Amino acid sequence: MAKTKVQKRDILNGLKDKISRSKSIVFASFNALGVKENEDLRVKLRKENSEYYVAKKTLLGMALKDSAISGLDVKSLDGKVAAVFSYQDEVAPAKIVFDFRKGKEDKIKFVGSILEGKFLSEVDTMALAQLPSKQELYAKLVGSLNSPISGFVNALAGNLKNLVYVLKAIEGKKS
């Protein structure tokens, strides 16, 4: 059943709101994805404060036209396109879709993404999805910052240990 102009306007306003609130948007082509698989993906995305949304390309294009995103023509994207809006972590939706598509490469694929107001190609989106998570990056940063301090503490402790060994040896000679 065709949608009325009022319904289309409501969808358009909803899309504009989602675009304005999102930190990143990932576009995925889902031509052969079943209903159960779609629902599984939606559940995984909701856990990361992301939303999987399917709309006609024309409505999606109209909603994106008002935002200042360079290099994007939604109609040129292949197949049925779903937009995954991320409201918290910029990389999380790309990672989730990347992990979800393992074993389903023929059913769902990246067709691009928007990050910091710029359109990224399919290849760039794949690279983005393979980046470590924020928590992993934080852990690496803390480890890198902590490494020189740990080395310094170990060097000082080594000198103290050596002093104790020398004093023990002197005590052993005297007795």
C-alpha atoms as a PDB file:
ATOM      1  CA  MET A   1       0.000   0.000   0.000  1.00  0.00           C
ATOM      2  CA  ALA A   2       1.372   3.395  -1.004  1.00  0.00           C
ATOM      3  CA  LYS A   3       2.147   5.916   1.690  1.00  0.00           C
ATOM      4  CA  THR A   4       0.317   9.215   1.837  1.00  0.00           C
ATOM      5  CA  LYS A   5       2.097  12.554   1.680  1.00  0.00           C
ATOM      6  CA  VAL A   6       1.497  13.029   5.400  1.00  0.00           C
ATOM      7  CA  GLN A   7       3.130   9.668   6.191  1.00  0.00           C
ATOM      8  CA  LYS A   8       6.084  10.495   3.929  1.00  0.00           C
ATOM      9  CA  ARG A   9       6.461  13.898   5.614  1.00  0.00           C
ATOM     10  CA  ASP A  10       6.469  12.214   9.040  1.00  0.00           C
ATOM     11  CA  ILE A  11       9.113   9.715   7.856  1.00  0.00           C
ATOM     12  CA  LEU A  12      11.179  12.571   6.407  1.00  0.00           C
ATOM     13  CA  ASN A  13      11.002  14.536   9.667  1.00  0.00           C
ATOM     14  CA  GLY A  14      11.929  11.414  11.635  1.00  0.00           C
ATOM     15  CA  LEU A  15      14.925  10.809   9.360  1.00  0.00           C
ATOM     16  CA  LYS A  16      16.084  14.408   9.704  1.00  0.00           C
ATOM     17  CA  ASP A  17      15.882  14.055  13.491  1.00  0.00           C
ATOM     18  CA  LYS A  18      17.869  10.790  13.432  1.00  0.00           C
ATOM     19  CA  ILE A  19      20.521  12.349  11.174  1.00  0.00           C
ATOM     20  CA  SER A  20      20.883  15.402  13.418  1.00  0.00           C
ATOM     21  CA  ARG A  21      21.278  13.245  16.560  1.00  0.00           C
ATOM     22  CA  SER A  22      23.637  10.640  15.085  1.00  0.00           C
ATOM     23  CA  LYS A  23      27.424  10.711  15.400  1.00  0.00           C
ATOM     24  CA  SER A  24      27.854   8.463  12.362  1.00  0.00           C
ATOM     25  CA  ILE A  25      25.691   6.705   9.788  1.00  0.00           C
ATOM     26  CA  VAL A  26      26.542   3.407   8.113  1.00  0.00           C
ATOM     27  CA  PHE A  27      24.774   2.386   4.910  1.00  0.00           C
ATOM     28  CA  ALA A  28      24.322  -1.320   4.251  1.00  0.00           C
ATOM     29  CA  SER A  29      22.787  -3.145   1.301  1.00  0.00           C
ATOM     30  CA  PHE A  30      20.654  -6.011   2.589  1.00  0.00           C
ATOM     31  CA  ASN A  31      19.131  -7.563  -0.547  1.00  0.00           C
ATOM     32  CA  ALA A  32      18.989 -11.182   0.637  1.00  0.00           C
ATOM     33  CA  LEU A  33      18.715 -10.716   4.404  1.00  0.00           C
ATOM     34  CA  GLY A  34      15.746 -12.481   5.984  1.00  0.00           C
ATOM     35  CA  VAL A  35      13.350 -11.044   8.563  1.00  0.00           C
ATOM     36  CA  LYS A  36      14.873 -13.068  11.439  1.00  0.00           C
ATOM     37  CA  GLU A  37      18.387 -11.983  10.480  1.00  0.00           C
ATOM     38  CA  ASN A  38      17.257  -8.344  10.208  1.00  0.00           C
ATOM     39  CA  GLU A  39      15.743  -8.556  13.686  1.00  0.00           C
ATOM     40  CA  ASP A  40      18.910 -10.147  15.132  1.00  0.00           C
ATOM     41  CA  LEU A  41      20.957  -7.281  13.707  1.00  0.00           C
ATOM     42  CA  ARG A  42      18.542  -4.695  15.118  1.00  0.00           C
ATOM     43  CA  VAL A  43      18.828  -6.229  18.602  1.00  0.00           C
ATOM     44  CA  LYS A  44      22.644  -6.175  18.490  1.00  0.00           C
ATOM     45  CA  LEU A  45      22.638  -2.558  17.345  1.00  0.00           C
ATOM     46  CA  ARG A  46      20.151  -1.443  20.028  1.00  0.00           C
ATOM     47  CA  LYS A  47      22.544  -2.744  22.704  1.00  0.00           C
ATOM     48  CA  GLU A  48      25.132  -0.240  21.446  1.00  0.00           C
ATOM     49  CA  ASN A  49      22.658   2.673  21.271  1.00  0.00           C
ATOM     50  CA  SER A  50      22.417   2.432  17.487  1.00  0.00           C
ATOM     51  CA  GLU A  51      19.390   2.126  15.235  1.00  0.00           C
ATOM     52  CA  TYR A  52      18.857   0.133  12.039  1.00  0.00           C
ATOM     53  CA  TYR A  53      16.406   1.952   9.788  1.00  0.00           C
ATOM     54  CA  VAL A  54      15.144   1.103   6.311  1.00  0.00           C
ATOM     55  CA  ALA A  55      13.633   3.856   4.171  1.00  0.00           C
ATOM     56  CA  LYS A  56      13.256   4.562   0.498  1.00  0.00           C
ATOM     57  CA  LYS A  57      16.355   6.055  -1.071  1.00  0.00           C
ATOM     58  CA  THR A  58      14.449   9.134  -2.218  1.00  0.00           C
ATOM     59  CA  LEU A  59      13.304   9.954   1.335  1.00  0.00           C
ATOM     60  CA  LEU A  60      16.769   9.224   2.705  1.00  0.00           C
ATOM     61  CA  GLY A  61      18.306  11.452   0.029  1.00  0.00           C
ATOM     62  CA  MET A  62      15.896  14.273   0.813  1.00  0.00           C
ATOM     63  CA  ALA A  63      16.682  14.024   4.533  1.00  0.00           C
ATOM     64  CA  LEU A  64      20.437  14.039   3.874  1.00  0.00           C
ATOM     65  CA  LYS A  65      20.219  16.913   1.387  1.00  0.00           C
ATOM     66  CA  ASP A  66      19.532  19.399   4.187  1.00  0.00           C
ATOM     67  CA  SER A  67      22.577  18.254   6.148  1.00  0.00           C
ATOM     68  CA  ALA A  68      25.935  19.486   4.904  1.00  0.00           C
ATOM     69  CA  ILE A  69      27.367  16.108   3.854  1.00  0.00           C
ATOM     70  CA  SER A  70      29.744  16.165   0.928  1.00  0.00           C
ATOM     71  CA  GLY A  71      30.131  13.495  -1.752  1.00  0.00           C
ATOM     72  CA  LEU A  72      26.932  11.519  -1.168  1.00  0.00           C
ATOM     73  CA  ASP A  73      24.322  10.509  -3.734  1.00  0.00           C
ATOM     74  CA  VAL A  74      21.997   8.018  -2.035  1.00  0.00           C
ATOM     75  CA  LYS A  75      20.378   6.940  -5.300  1.00  0.00           C
ATOM     76  CA  SER A  76      23.746   5.669  -6.561  1.00  0.00           C
ATOM     77  CA  LEU A  77      24.038   3.181  -3.681  1.00  0.00           C
ATOM     78  CA  ASP A  78      23.447  -0.454  -4.681  1.00  0.00           C
ATOM     79  CA  GLY A  79      20.313  -2.434  -3.766  1.00  0.00           C
ATOM     80  CA  LYS A  80      17.984  -1.885  -0.859  1.00  0.00           C
ATOM     81  CA  VAL A  81      19.749   0.384   1.583  1.00  0.00           C
ATOM     82  CA  ALA A  82      19.464   0.440   5.359  1.00  0.00           C
ATOM     83  CA  ALA A  83      20.870   3.283   7.399  1.00  0.00           C
ATOM     84  CA  VAL A  84      22.423   2.466  10.757  1.00  0.00           C
ATOM     85  CA  PHE A  85      22.423   5.524  12.991  1.00  0.00           C
ATOM     86  CA  SER A  86      24.882   5.660  15.874  1.00  0.00           C
ATOM     87  CA  TYR A  87      23.976   7.911  18.756  1.00  0.00           C
ATOM     88  CA  GLN A  88      26.956   7.187  21.015  1.00  0.00           C
ATOM     89  CA  ASP A  89      30.033   5.472  19.538  1.00  0.00           C
ATOM     90  CA  GLU A  90      31.005   6.476  16.003  1.00  0.00           C
ATOM     91  CA  VAL A  91      32.608   3.136  15.103  1.00  0.00           C
ATOM     92  CA  ALA A  92      30.310   0.689  16.937  1.00  0.00           C
ATOM     93  CA  PRO A  93      27.656   0.240  14.200  1.00  0.00           C
ATOM     94  CA  ALA A  94      30.281  -0.451  11.538  1.00  0.00           C
ATOM     95  CA  LYS A  95      31.928  -3.031  13.816  1.00  0.00           C
ATOM     96  CA  ILE A  96      28.604  -4.702  14.621  1.00  0.00           C
ATOM     97  CA  VAL A  97      27.556  -4.940  10.968  1.00  0.00           C
ATOM     98  CA  PHE A  98      31.055  -6.173  10.053  1.00  0.00           C
ATOM     99  CA  ASP A  99      30.889  -8.933  12.692  1.00  0.00           C
ATOM    100  CA  PHE A 100      27.283  -9.771  11.783  1.00  0.00           C
ATOM    101  CA  ARG A 101      28.051 -10.237   8.097  1.00  0.00           C
ATOM    102  CA  LYS A 102      30.633 -12.974   8.711  1.00  0.00           C
ATOM    103  CA  GLY A 103      29.218 -15.971   6.891  1.00  0.00           C
ATOM    104  CA  LYS A 104      26.564 -13.748   5.270  1.00  0.00           C
ATOM    105  CA  GLU A 105      28.780 -11.715   2.916  1.00  0.00           C
ATOM    106  CA  ASP A 106      26.400 -12.358   0.013  1.00  0.00           C
ATOM    107  CA  LYS A 107      23.376 -11.146   2.009  1.00  0.00           C
ATOM    108  CA  ILE A 108      24.559  -7.867   3.518  1.00  0.00           C
ATOM    109  CA  LYS A 109      27.403  -5.523   2.592  1.00  0.00           C
ATOM    110  CA  PHE A 110      28.617  -2.027   3.289  1.00  0.00           C
ATOM    111  CA  VAL A 111      27.874   0.598   0.658  1.00  0.00           C
ATOM    112  CA  GLY A 112      29.316   3.553   2.538  1.00  0.00           C
ATOM    113  CA  SER A 113      29.074   5.612   5.680  1.00  0.00           C
ATOM    114  CA  ILE A 114      29.048   9.151   6.999  1.00  0.00           C
ATOM    115  CA  LEU A 115      31.558  10.170   9.629  1.00  0.00           C
ATOM    116  CA  GLU A 116      32.191  13.750  10.740  1.00  0.00           C
ATOM    117  CA  GLY A 117      30.065  15.110   7.893  1.00  0.00           C
ATOM    118  CA  LYS A 118      31.957  13.302   5.139  1.00  0.00           C
ATOM    119  CA  PHE A 119      30.881  10.361   3.014  1.00  0.00           C
ATOM    120  CA  LEU A 120      33.193   7.353   3.237  1.00  0.00           C
ATOM    121  CA  SER A 121      33.298   4.688   0.525  1.00  0.00           C
ATOM    122  CA  GLU A 122      32.663   0.978   1.054  1.00  0.00           C
ATOM    123  CA  VAL A 123      36.414   0.337   1.406  1.00  0.00           C
ATOM    124  CA  ASP A 124      36.831   3.136   3.958  1.00  0.00           C
ATOM    125  CA  THR A 125      33.845   1.836   5.918  1.00  0.00           C
ATOM    126  CA  MET A 126      35.373  -1.668   5.997  1.00  0.00           C
ATOM    127  CA  ALA A 127      38.613  -0.163   7.322  1.00  0.00           C
ATOM    128  CA  LEU A 128      36.641   1.790   9.929  1.00  0.00           C
ATOM    129  CA  ALA A 129      34.880  -1.406  11.036  1.00  0.00           C
ATOM    130  CA  GLN A 130      38.202  -3.145  11.606  1.00  0.00           C
ATOM    131  CA  LEU A 131      39.570  -0.463  13.932  1.00  0.00           C
ATOM    132  CA  PRO A 132      39.914  -1.403  17.598  1.00  0.00           C
ATOM    133  CA  SER A 133      37.081  -0.306  19.870  1.00  0.00           C
ATOM    134  CA  LYS A 134      37.335   2.802  22.062  1.00  0.00           C
ATOM    135  CA  GLN A 135      37.928   0.647  25.140  1.00  0.00           C
ATOM    136  CA  GLU A 136      40.804  -1.194  23.424  1.00  0.00           C
ATOM    137  CA  LEU A 137      42.344   2.103  22.322  1.00  0.00           C
ATOM    138  CA  TYR A 138      42.021   3.518  25.843  1.00  0.00           C
ATOM    139  CA  ALA A 139      43.704   0.411  27.258  1.00  0.00           C
ATOM    140  CA  LYS A 140      46.578   0.726  24.763  1.00  0.00           C
ATOM    141  CA  LEU A 141      46.978   4.411  25.599  1.00  0.00           C
ATOM    142  CA  VAL A 142      47.089   3.728  29.339  1.00  0.00           C
ATOM    143  CA  GLY A 143      49.590   0.919  28.740  1.00  0.00           C
ATOM    144  CA  SER A 144      51.768   3.216  26.638  1.00  0.00           C
ATOM    145  CA  LEU A 145      51.638   5.968  29.254  1.00  0.00           C
ATOM    146  CA  ASN A 146      52.317   3.496  32.074  1.00  0.00           C
ATOM    147  CA  SER A 147      55.233   1.738  30.349  1.00  0.00           C
ATOM    148  CA  PRO A 148      57.968   4.351  31.008  1.00  0.00           C
ATOM    149  CA  ILE A 149      56.858   4.705  34.617  1.00  0.00           C
ATOM    150  CA  SER A 150      56.964   0.926  35.125  1.00  0.00           C
ATOM    151  CA  GLY A 151      60.426   0.779  33.581  1.00  0.00           C
ATOM    152  CA  PHE A 152      61.636   3.558  35.869  1.00  0.00           C
ATOM    153  CA  VAL A 153      60.216   1.849  38.966  1.00  0.00           C
ATOM    154  CA  ASN A 154      61.822  -1.461  37.937  1.00  0.00           C
ATOM    155  CA  ALA A 155      65.197   0.261  37.406  1.00  0.00           C
ATOM    156  CA  LEU A 156      65.032   1.849  40.858  1.00  0.00           C
ATOM    157  CA  ALA A 157      63.967  -1.454  42.426  1.00  0.00           C
ATOM    158  CA  GLY A 158      66.842  -3.203  40.650  1.00  0.00           C
ATOM    159  CA  ASN A 159      69.349  -0.784  42.186  1.00  0.00           C
ATOM    160  CA  LEU A 160      67.892  -1.371  45.657  1.00  0.00           C
ATOM    161  CA  LYS A 161      68.046  -5.155  45.163  1.00  0.00           C
ATOM    162  CA  ASN A 162      71.675  -4.895  44.062  1.00  0.00           C
ATOM    163  CA  LEU A 163      72.497  -2.812  47.159  1.00  0.00           C
ATOM    164  CA  VAL A 164      70.876  -5.444  49.383  1.00  0.00           C
ATOM    165  CA  TYR A 165      72.901  -8.227  47.636  1.00  0.00           C
ATOM    166  CA  VAL A 166      76.168  -6.291  48.127  1.00  0.00           C
ATOM    167  CA  LEU A 167      75.380  -5.687  51.820  1.00  0.00           C
ATOM    168  CA  LYS A 168      74.552  -9.395  52.291  1.00  0.00           C
ATOM    169  CA  ALA A 169      77.830 -10.365  50.613  1.00  0.00           C
ATOM    170  CA  ILE A 170      79.798  -7.990  52.865  1.00  0.00           C
ATOM    171  CA  GLU A 171      77.993  -9.390  55.914  1.00  0.00           C
ATOM    172  CA  GLY A 172      78.807 -12.927  54.764  1.00  0.00           C
ATOM    173  CA  LYS A 173      82.524 -12.101  54.415  1.00  0.00           C
ATOM    174  CA  LYS A 174      82.704 -10.555  57.887  1.00  0.00           C
ATOM    175  CA  SER A 175      81.079 -13.495  59.625  1.00  0.00           C
END
